[in-house]
Amino acid sequence: MSIQKEHKEFHTINMETGWETPPGYPAGIQQQILAGFLDEKNKLGYRTRHLRFAPGVFTTAPFVHDYWEEVYLISGDLTVGNDANGNGGESFPPHTYACRPPGTYHGPFKSISGCLLLEVHLYEESINSRPGKNGE
């Protein structure tokens, strides 16, 4: 299977529409899908999204998933490793980046002033089965 993403030329992203709370996330954390899809049931796909935290929002448990994840903190602050009450952790400023292989535990997360992240998620199968791989 090739990577299935739409061809999209430069265009203005409407930062006011298209936001939804991802399943399993607390209110105050929202995603905006920019391109692609991620099929977690069939472990396929490649997705690019914005993720934003409202000020003061935090998660209470670490995350782990079976796809690759790249995260770039565009604006605001993000704290990683807080406890279930939102205390503690290490704070990161804008223009910081993480790349996580499948199975990596990460978080919990919080943002004091709110933040905007750019994330890319992909299943390894989506990479390994692309046309032209291994001389095909």
N, C-alpha and C. Protein backbone atom coordinates (compact mmCIF):
# COMPACT_ATOMS: atom_id res chain seq x y z
N MET A 1 0.84 -1.18 0.00
CA MET A 1 0.00 0.00 0.00
C MET A 1 0.88 1.24 0.00
N SER A 2 0.60 2.19 -0.84
CA SER A 2 1.34 3.44 -0.85
C SER A 2 0.79 4.38 0.22
N ILE A 3 1.55 5.39 0.53
CA ILE A 3 1.08 6.39 1.47
C ILE A 3 -0.06 7.15 0.83
N GLN A 4 -1.19 7.16 1.47
CA GLN A 4 -2.39 7.79 0.93
C GLN A 4 -2.60 9.15 1.59
N LYS A 5 -2.12 10.19 0.93
CA LYS A 5 -2.34 11.56 1.37
C LYS A 5 -2.77 12.36 0.17
N GLU A 6 -3.61 13.34 0.43
CA GLU A 6 -4.09 14.19 -0.63
C GLU A 6 -2.98 15.10 -1.14
N HIS A 7 -3.04 15.45 -2.42
CA HIS A 7 -2.14 16.46 -2.96
C HIS A 7 -2.75 17.81 -2.62
N LYS A 8 -2.02 18.59 -1.84
CA LYS A 8 -2.50 19.91 -1.43
C LYS A 8 -1.38 20.91 -1.62
N GLU A 9 -1.61 21.90 -2.44
CA GLU A 9 -0.64 22.98 -2.61
C GLU A 9 -0.77 23.97 -1.46
N PHE A 10 0.15 24.93 -1.40
CA PHE A 10 0.09 25.93 -0.35
C PHE A 10 -1.29 26.58 -0.30
N HIS A 11 -1.85 26.61 0.88
CA HIS A 11 -3.14 27.26 1.09
C HIS A 11 -3.22 27.69 2.55
N THR A 12 -4.05 28.65 2.81
CA THR A 12 -4.21 29.15 4.17
C THR A 12 -5.03 28.15 4.98
N ILE A 13 -4.54 27.81 6.16
CA ILE A 13 -5.26 26.93 7.06
C ILE A 13 -6.19 27.79 7.91
N ASN A 14 -7.46 27.45 7.93
CA ASN A 14 -8.42 28.15 8.78
C ASN A 14 -8.26 27.63 10.20
N MET A 15 -7.71 28.43 11.07
CA MET A 15 -7.43 28.02 12.45
C MET A 15 -8.67 28.09 13.34
N GLU A 16 -9.81 28.50 12.77
CA GLU A 16 -11.04 28.62 13.55
C GLU A 16 -11.99 27.44 13.37
N THR A 17 -11.80 26.64 12.32
CA THR A 17 -12.74 25.55 12.05
C THR A 17 -12.02 24.21 11.93
N GLY A 18 -12.81 23.14 12.00
CA GLY A 18 -12.29 21.80 11.79
C GLY A 18 -11.65 21.17 13.01
N TRP A 19 -11.89 21.71 14.18
CA TRP A 19 -11.29 21.18 15.41
C TRP A 19 -12.26 20.21 16.09
N GLU A 20 -11.70 19.13 16.66
CA GLU A 20 -12.49 18.17 17.42
C GLU A 20 -11.62 17.56 18.51
N THR A 21 -12.24 17.12 19.57
CA THR A 21 -11.50 16.44 20.64
C THR A 21 -11.26 15.00 20.21
N PRO A 22 -9.99 14.57 20.15
CA PRO A 22 -9.73 13.17 19.77
C PRO A 22 -10.28 12.20 20.81
N PRO A 23 -10.69 11.01 20.39
CA PRO A 23 -11.18 10.01 21.35
C PRO A 23 -10.15 9.75 22.44
N GLY A 24 -10.62 9.72 23.68
CA GLY A 24 -9.75 9.43 24.82
C GLY A 24 -9.00 10.62 25.39
N TYR A 25 -9.14 11.80 24.79
CA TYR A 25 -8.48 13.01 25.27
C TYR A 25 -9.45 13.83 26.12
N PRO A 26 -8.93 14.58 27.08
CA PRO A 26 -9.82 15.44 27.87
C PRO A 26 -10.30 16.64 27.06
N ALA A 27 -11.42 17.22 27.50
CA ALA A 27 -11.90 18.46 26.89
C ALA A 27 -10.79 19.50 27.03
N GLY A 28 -10.64 20.34 26.02
CA GLY A 28 -9.58 21.34 26.04
C GLY A 28 -8.38 20.95 25.20
N ILE A 29 -8.35 19.70 24.72
CA ILE A 29 -7.34 19.27 23.76
C ILE A 29 -8.09 18.93 22.48
N GLN A 30 -7.69 19.55 21.38
CA GLN A 30 -8.38 19.36 20.11
C GLN A 30 -7.40 19.12 18.98
N GLN A 31 -7.86 18.39 17.98
CA GLN A 31 -7.06 18.13 16.79
C GLN A 31 -7.74 18.74 15.56
N GLN A 32 -6.91 19.08 14.58
CA GLN A 32 -7.36 19.54 13.28
C GLN A 32 -6.56 18.74 12.26
N ILE A 33 -7.22 17.83 11.54
CA ILE A 33 -6.54 16.99 10.55
C ILE A 33 -6.20 17.85 9.34
N LEU A 34 -4.94 17.86 8.96
CA LEU A 34 -4.49 18.64 7.81
C LEU A 34 -4.45 17.80 6.54
N ALA A 35 -4.03 16.53 6.66
CA ALA A 35 -3.95 15.65 5.49
C ALA A 35 -3.85 14.21 5.96
N GLY A 36 -4.30 13.31 5.10
CA GLY A 36 -4.16 11.88 5.35
C GLY A 36 -5.20 11.33 6.29
N PHE A 37 -4.95 10.10 6.70
CA PHE A 37 -5.82 9.40 7.64
C PHE A 37 -4.97 8.39 8.40
N LEU A 38 -5.45 7.98 9.54
CA LEU A 38 -4.78 6.95 10.32
C LEU A 38 -5.83 5.92 10.72
N ASP A 39 -5.68 4.69 10.25
CA ASP A 39 -6.60 3.60 10.54
C ASP A 39 -5.95 2.74 11.62
N GLU A 40 -6.26 3.06 12.89
CA GLU A 40 -5.63 2.35 14.00
C GLU A 40 -6.09 0.90 14.09
N LYS A 41 -7.30 0.60 13.65
CA LYS A 41 -7.80 -0.77 13.69
C LYS A 41 -6.99 -1.67 12.76
N ASN A 42 -6.75 -1.21 11.53
CA ASN A 42 -6.02 -2.00 10.54
C ASN A 42 -4.53 -1.66 10.48
N LYS A 43 -4.10 -0.75 11.34
CA LYS A 43 -2.70 -0.36 11.46
C LYS A 43 -2.11 0.12 10.13
N LEU A 44 -2.83 1.05 9.51
CA LEU A 44 -2.41 1.63 8.24
C LEU A 44 -2.61 3.14 8.27
N GLY A 45 -1.81 3.81 7.49
CA GLY A 45 -2.07 5.22 7.27
C GLY A 45 -0.95 6.14 7.67
N TYR A 46 -1.20 7.41 7.34
CA TYR A 46 -0.22 8.46 7.50
C TYR A 46 -1.01 9.75 7.63
N ARG A 47 -0.87 10.42 8.77
CA ARG A 47 -1.70 11.59 9.05
C ARG A 47 -0.84 12.75 9.53
N THR A 48 -1.22 13.95 9.10
CA THR A 48 -0.63 15.18 9.62
C THR A 48 -1.74 15.97 10.29
N ARG A 49 -1.49 16.44 11.50
CA ARG A 49 -2.53 17.18 12.22
C ARG A 49 -1.93 18.28 13.09
N HIS A 50 -2.77 19.23 13.41
CA HIS A 50 -2.49 20.15 14.50
C HIS A 50 -3.11 19.55 15.75
N LEU A 51 -2.48 19.75 16.88
CA LEU A 51 -3.06 19.40 18.18
C LEU A 51 -2.86 20.63 19.05
N ARG A 52 -3.94 21.06 19.70
CA ARG A 52 -3.81 22.23 20.57
C ARG A 52 -4.36 21.94 21.95
N PHE A 53 -3.70 22.55 22.92
CA PHE A 53 -4.10 22.48 24.32
C PHE A 53 -4.60 23.85 24.73
N ALA A 54 -5.74 23.91 25.38
CA ALA A 54 -6.21 25.15 25.99
C ALA A 54 -5.35 25.41 27.24
N PRO A 55 -5.23 26.64 27.68
CA PRO A 55 -4.46 26.93 28.90
C PRO A 55 -4.93 26.10 30.09
N GLY A 56 -3.96 25.54 30.81
CA GLY A 56 -4.24 24.80 32.03
C GLY A 56 -4.66 23.35 31.85
N VAL A 57 -4.83 22.90 30.62
CA VAL A 57 -5.28 21.52 30.38
C VAL A 57 -4.12 20.55 30.54
N PHE A 58 -4.43 19.36 31.08
CA PHE A 58 -3.40 18.34 31.22
C PHE A 58 -4.00 16.95 31.09
N THR A 59 -3.16 16.01 30.69
CA THR A 59 -3.54 14.60 30.66
C THR A 59 -3.01 13.97 31.94
N THR A 60 -3.54 12.79 32.27
CA THR A 60 -3.21 12.20 33.58
C THR A 60 -2.43 10.89 33.51
N ALA A 61 -2.25 10.34 32.32
CA ALA A 61 -1.54 9.06 32.18
C ALA A 61 -0.68 9.10 30.93
N PRO A 62 0.39 8.29 30.90
CA PRO A 62 1.22 8.24 29.70
C PRO A 62 0.43 7.67 28.51
N PHE A 63 0.88 8.04 27.32
CA PHE A 63 0.34 7.52 26.07
C PHE A 63 1.31 6.49 25.52
N VAL A 64 0.80 5.50 24.80
CA VAL A 64 1.62 4.58 24.02
C VAL A 64 0.77 4.16 22.82
N HIS A 65 1.37 4.14 21.65
CA HIS A 65 0.64 3.73 20.45
C HIS A 65 1.58 2.96 19.53
N ASP A 66 0.99 2.32 18.52
CA ASP A 66 1.76 1.41 17.67
C ASP A 66 2.14 2.03 16.33
N TYR A 67 2.21 3.35 16.25
CA TYR A 67 2.64 4.05 15.04
C TYR A 67 3.74 5.04 15.38
N TRP A 68 4.49 5.43 14.36
CA TRP A 68 5.52 6.47 14.50
C TRP A 68 4.83 7.81 14.75
N GLU A 69 5.51 8.66 15.52
CA GLU A 69 4.96 9.98 15.79
C GLU A 69 6.10 11.00 15.80
N GLU A 70 5.88 12.08 15.06
CA GLU A 70 6.77 13.24 15.11
C GLU A 70 5.95 14.41 15.61
N VAL A 71 6.53 15.18 16.53
CA VAL A 71 5.81 16.30 17.15
C VAL A 71 6.71 17.53 17.16
N TYR A 72 6.17 18.64 16.65
CA TYR A 72 6.87 19.92 16.65
C TYR A 72 6.01 20.94 17.40
N LEU A 73 6.57 21.52 18.45
CA LEU A 73 5.86 22.52 19.24
C LEU A 73 5.98 23.88 18.54
N ILE A 74 4.88 24.33 17.95
CA ILE A 74 4.87 25.58 17.19
C ILE A 74 4.83 26.79 18.10
N SER A 75 3.92 26.78 19.08
CA SER A 75 3.78 27.94 19.97
C SER A 75 3.28 27.49 21.33
N GLY A 76 3.50 28.35 22.31
CA GLY A 76 3.06 28.07 23.68
C GLY A 76 4.08 27.24 24.44
N ASP A 77 3.61 26.62 25.50
CA ASP A 77 4.47 25.79 26.34
C ASP A 77 3.88 24.40 26.45
N LEU A 78 4.74 23.41 26.57
CA LEU A 78 4.31 22.03 26.77
C LEU A 78 5.17 21.41 27.85
N THR A 79 4.52 20.85 28.87
CA THR A 79 5.22 20.15 29.94
C THR A 79 5.00 18.66 29.75
N VAL A 80 6.07 17.90 29.88
CA VAL A 80 6.03 16.45 29.70
C VAL A 80 6.38 15.79 31.03
N GLY A 81 5.56 14.83 31.44
CA GLY A 81 5.87 14.03 32.62
C GLY A 81 5.23 14.53 33.90
N ASN A 82 4.15 15.30 33.79
CA ASN A 82 3.44 15.72 35.00
C ASN A 82 2.76 14.53 35.65
N ASP A 83 2.33 14.71 36.89
CA ASP A 83 1.60 13.63 37.56
C ASP A 83 0.11 13.72 37.24
N ALA A 84 -0.68 12.85 37.85
CA ALA A 84 -2.12 12.78 37.56
C ALA A 84 -2.87 14.04 37.99
N ASN A 85 -2.24 14.88 38.83
CA ASN A 85 -2.85 16.14 39.26
C ASN A 85 -2.34 17.32 38.45
N GLY A 86 -1.48 17.06 37.46
CA GLY A 86 -0.94 18.14 36.62
C GLY A 86 0.29 18.81 37.21
N ASN A 87 0.88 18.22 38.25
CA ASN A 87 2.06 18.82 38.88
C ASN A 87 3.34 18.20 38.36
N GLY A 88 4.41 19.01 38.34
CA GLY A 88 5.73 18.52 37.96
C GLY A 88 5.90 18.38 36.46
N GLY A 89 6.98 17.70 36.08
CA GLY A 89 7.30 17.49 34.68
C GLY A 89 8.35 18.46 34.18
N GLU A 90 8.75 18.30 32.93
CA GLU A 90 9.75 19.16 32.30
C GLU A 90 9.08 20.00 31.23
N SER A 91 9.27 21.32 31.30
CA SER A 91 8.63 22.25 30.38
C SER A 91 9.50 22.50 29.15
N PHE A 92 8.84 22.60 27.99
CA PHE A 92 9.55 22.85 26.73
C PHE A 92 8.96 24.09 26.05
N PRO A 93 9.84 24.89 25.43
CA PRO A 93 9.39 26.10 24.73
C PRO A 93 9.09 25.80 23.26
N PRO A 94 8.57 26.80 22.54
CA PRO A 94 8.33 26.63 21.11
C PRO A 94 9.61 26.22 20.37
N HIS A 95 9.41 25.59 19.23
CA HIS A 95 10.47 25.16 18.32
C HIS A 95 11.29 24.02 18.91
N THR A 96 10.60 23.15 19.67
CA THR A 96 11.21 21.91 20.13
C THR A 96 10.49 20.75 19.43
N TYR A 97 11.15 19.60 19.38
CA TYR A 97 10.73 18.51 18.50
C TYR A 97 10.94 17.17 19.19
N ALA A 98 10.06 16.22 18.89
CA ALA A 98 10.21 14.84 19.36
C ALA A 98 9.90 13.90 18.20
N CYS A 99 10.61 12.77 18.14
CA CYS A 99 10.34 11.70 17.18
C CYS A 99 10.28 10.40 17.98
N ARG A 100 9.13 9.72 17.93
CA ARG A 100 8.92 8.54 18.77
C ARG A 100 8.60 7.32 17.93
N PRO A 101 9.36 6.24 18.11
CA PRO A 101 9.00 4.99 17.43
C PRO A 101 7.78 4.35 18.08
N PRO A 102 7.14 3.41 17.38
CA PRO A 102 6.01 2.70 17.96
C PRO A 102 6.38 2.07 19.30
N GLY A 103 5.43 2.07 20.24
CA GLY A 103 5.64 1.44 21.53
C GLY A 103 6.31 2.32 22.57
N THR A 104 6.60 3.56 22.24
CA THR A 104 7.26 4.48 23.18
C THR A 104 6.24 5.10 24.12
N TYR A 105 6.44 4.94 25.42
CA TYR A 105 5.60 5.61 26.41
C TYR A 105 6.01 7.07 26.47
N HIS A 106 5.03 7.98 26.47
CA HIS A 106 5.31 9.41 26.53
C HIS A 106 4.16 10.13 27.23
N GLY A 107 4.52 11.23 27.88
CA GLY A 107 3.54 11.99 28.65
C GLY A 107 3.55 11.55 30.09
N PRO A 108 2.53 11.92 30.83
CA PRO A 108 1.42 12.82 30.53
C PRO A 108 1.92 14.21 30.13
N PHE A 109 0.96 15.03 29.63
CA PHE A 109 1.29 16.36 29.12
C PHE A 109 0.40 17.41 29.75
N LYS A 110 0.94 18.63 29.83
CA LYS A 110 0.13 19.77 30.24
C LYS A 110 0.67 21.02 29.56
N SER A 111 -0.18 22.03 29.53
CA SER A 111 0.23 23.33 29.01
C SER A 111 -0.33 24.41 29.93
N ILE A 112 0.54 25.26 30.42
CA ILE A 112 0.11 26.33 31.32
C ILE A 112 -0.59 27.45 30.54
N SER A 113 0.03 27.88 29.44
CA SER A 113 -0.53 29.00 28.67
C SER A 113 -1.28 28.55 27.42
N GLY A 114 -1.30 27.24 27.17
CA GLY A 114 -1.86 26.71 25.93
C GLY A 114 -0.75 26.51 24.92
N CYS A 115 -0.97 25.64 23.94
CA CYS A 115 0.06 25.41 22.93
C CYS A 115 -0.56 24.88 21.65
N LEU A 116 0.24 24.96 20.59
CA LEU A 116 -0.13 24.42 19.29
C LEU A 116 1.01 23.54 18.81
N LEU A 117 0.68 22.29 18.46
CA LEU A 117 1.64 21.30 17.99
C LEU A 117 1.33 20.92 16.55
N LEU A 118 2.35 20.57 15.79
CA LEU A 118 2.20 19.94 14.48
C LEU A 118 2.67 18.51 14.65
N GLU A 119 1.82 17.55 14.29
CA GLU A 119 2.15 16.14 14.48
C GLU A 119 2.02 15.37 13.17
N VAL A 120 2.92 14.41 12.98
CA VAL A 120 2.85 13.47 11.87
C VAL A 120 2.82 12.08 12.49
N HIS A 121 1.84 11.27 12.10
CA HIS A 121 1.69 9.90 12.58
C HIS A 121 1.71 8.97 11.38
N LEU A 122 2.43 7.86 11.50
CA LEU A 122 2.42 6.90 10.41
C LEU A 122 2.73 5.50 10.90
N TYR A 123 2.08 4.56 10.25
CA TYR A 123 2.35 3.15 10.51
C TYR A 123 3.50 2.71 9.64
N GLU A 124 4.39 1.92 10.21
CA GLU A 124 5.57 1.45 9.48
C GLU A 124 5.19 0.66 8.24
N GLU A 125 4.10 -0.08 8.30
CA GLU A 125 3.63 -0.83 7.14
C GLU A 125 3.34 0.10 5.97
N SER A 126 2.89 1.33 6.27
CA SER A 126 2.62 2.30 5.21
C SER A 126 3.90 2.70 4.50
N ILE A 127 5.02 2.66 5.21
CA ILE A 127 6.32 2.99 4.62
C ILE A 127 6.89 1.78 3.88
N ASN A 128 6.87 0.63 4.54
CA ASN A 128 7.52 -0.56 4.00
C ASN A 128 6.85 -1.12 2.76
N SER A 129 5.58 -0.79 2.55
CA SER A 129 4.88 -1.37 1.41
C SER A 129 4.66 -0.37 0.27
N ARG A 130 5.35 0.76 0.33
CA ARG A 130 5.15 1.75 -0.73
C ARG A 130 5.75 1.26 -2.05
N PRO A 131 5.19 1.67 -3.18
CA PRO A 131 5.72 1.27 -4.47
C PRO A 131 7.18 1.70 -4.63
N GLY A 132 7.96 0.86 -5.24
CA GLY A 132 9.38 1.18 -5.45
C GLY A 132 10.27 0.73 -4.31
N LYS A 133 9.70 0.26 -3.23
CA LYS A 133 10.48 -0.23 -2.11
C LYS A 133 11.13 -1.56 -2.48
N ASN A 134 12.38 -1.73 -2.17
CA ASN A 134 13.12 -2.98 -2.42
C ASN A 134 13.16 -3.34 -3.90
N GLY A 135 13.28 -2.33 -4.76
CA GLY A 135 13.45 -2.60 -6.18
C GLY A 135 12.20 -2.98 -6.92
N GLU A 136 11.03 -2.86 -6.29
CA GLU A 136 9.76 -3.23 -6.95
C GLU A 136 9.41 -2.25 -8.04
